[in-house]
Amino acid sequence: MNFSKVQVETKEPYLVVKHKLFKVPCADYEGTLRSYLDPYKEEAVQEYVSNYLAWAEDPGIVGLVGVEKKGEHVIIDAAVRYEAKK
């Protein structure tokens, strides 16, 4: 692999990424995402977290997510971006 022609820029605003862990009852999680054939795919998980952030009036933007079903709960690990305060 040759990356010598790749150009990288860092632009403002600078962002801070926070990991948020959510523990949600399976029935509530799956019920919220009925329109998805597979509510455990990344797109569905991102939508769930985005909807939660909007409900909580949290200004974060959802990035990567991980999801795991553990017993009666869904555990979501979400990277949420925020504009860095100066």
Protein backbone atom coordinates (compact mmCIF):
# COMPACT_ATOMS: atom_id res chain seq x y z
CA MET A 1 0.00 0.00 0.00
CA ASN A 2 1.16 3.47 -0.82
CA PHE A 3 -0.35 6.36 1.11
CA SER A 4 2.15 8.98 -0.05
CA LYS A 5 -0.47 10.92 -2.07
CA VAL A 6 -3.02 11.14 0.74
CA GLN A 7 -3.61 14.65 2.06
CA VAL A 8 -5.12 15.15 5.52
CA GLU A 9 -6.61 18.35 6.83
CA THR A 10 -7.80 19.20 10.32
CA LYS A 11 -10.53 21.80 10.30
CA GLU A 12 -12.43 23.60 12.99
CA PRO A 13 -14.65 23.09 14.82
CA TYR A 14 -12.63 20.64 16.84
CA LEU A 15 -14.67 17.81 18.25
CA VAL A 16 -14.66 15.79 21.44
CA VAL A 17 -15.84 12.19 21.30
CA LYS A 18 -17.52 10.62 24.32
CA HIS A 19 -18.51 6.99 24.65
CA LYS A 20 -21.96 6.49 26.06
CA LEU A 21 -23.22 3.13 27.25
CA PHE A 22 -26.94 2.46 27.13
CA LYS A 23 -28.73 -0.45 28.79
CA VAL A 24 -32.20 -0.85 27.29
CA PRO A 25 -34.82 -3.55 27.84
CA CYS A 26 -34.99 -5.69 24.67
CA ALA A 27 -38.75 -5.27 24.29
CA ASP A 28 -38.49 -1.46 24.42
CA TYR A 29 -35.55 -1.38 22.02
CA GLU A 30 -37.06 -3.73 19.45
CA GLY A 31 -40.48 -2.08 19.74
CA THR A 32 -38.99 1.31 18.93
CA LEU A 33 -37.34 -0.02 15.76
CA ARG A 34 -40.21 -2.06 14.28
CA SER A 35 -39.65 -0.53 10.85
CA TYR A 36 -36.23 -2.25 10.58
CA LEU A 37 -35.97 -5.85 9.40
CA ASP A 38 -32.93 -6.23 11.65
CA PRO A 39 -32.94 -3.78 14.58
CA TYR A 40 -29.41 -4.86 15.48
CA LYS A 41 -27.76 -3.52 12.31
CA GLU A 42 -25.62 -0.41 12.69
CA GLU A 43 -28.07 1.94 10.95
CA ALA A 44 -30.90 0.95 13.29
CA VAL A 45 -28.73 1.29 16.39
CA GLN A 46 -27.56 4.74 15.27
CA GLU A 47 -31.16 5.80 14.75
CA TYR A 48 -32.10 4.59 18.23
CA VAL A 49 -29.27 6.58 19.82
CA SER A 50 -30.04 9.66 17.69
CA ASN A 51 -33.67 9.53 18.78
CA TYR A 52 -32.63 9.16 22.40
CA LEU A 53 -30.26 12.14 22.16
CA ALA A 54 -33.04 14.27 20.63
CA TRP A 55 -35.43 13.20 23.40
CA ALA A 56 -32.80 14.03 26.05
CA GLU A 57 -32.05 17.38 24.36
CA ASP A 58 -28.42 16.26 24.03
CA PRO A 59 -26.63 18.08 21.18
CA GLY A 60 -24.30 15.16 20.37
CA ILE A 61 -23.95 13.56 16.94
CA VAL A 62 -23.86 9.76 16.82
CA GLY A 63 -20.84 8.11 15.24
CA LEU A 64 -19.86 4.47 15.46
CA VAL A 65 -21.95 2.16 17.57
CA GLY A 66 -21.63 -1.33 18.95
CA VAL A 67 -24.53 -3.42 20.17
CA GLU A 68 -24.86 -6.62 22.15
CA LYS A 69 -27.90 -8.49 23.39
CA LYS A 70 -27.39 -9.67 26.98
CA GLY A 71 -30.30 -11.54 28.45
CA GLU A 72 -33.29 -9.23 28.63
CA HIS A 73 -31.28 -6.10 27.73
CA VAL A 74 -29.55 -4.52 24.78
CA ILE A 75 -26.20 -2.91 25.55
CA ILE A 76 -25.22 -0.10 23.18
CA ASP A 77 -21.77 1.50 23.10
CA ALA A 78 -22.05 4.71 21.11
CA ALA A 79 -19.38 7.21 20.16
CA VAL A 80 -21.04 10.62 20.37
CA ARG A 81 -19.33 13.75 19.01
CA TYR A 82 -19.56 17.19 20.55
CA GLU A 83 -18.09 20.50 19.48
CA ALA A 84 -15.11 21.23 21.73
CA LYS A 85 -15.50 24.24 23.98
CA LYS A 86 -12.70 26.76 23.78
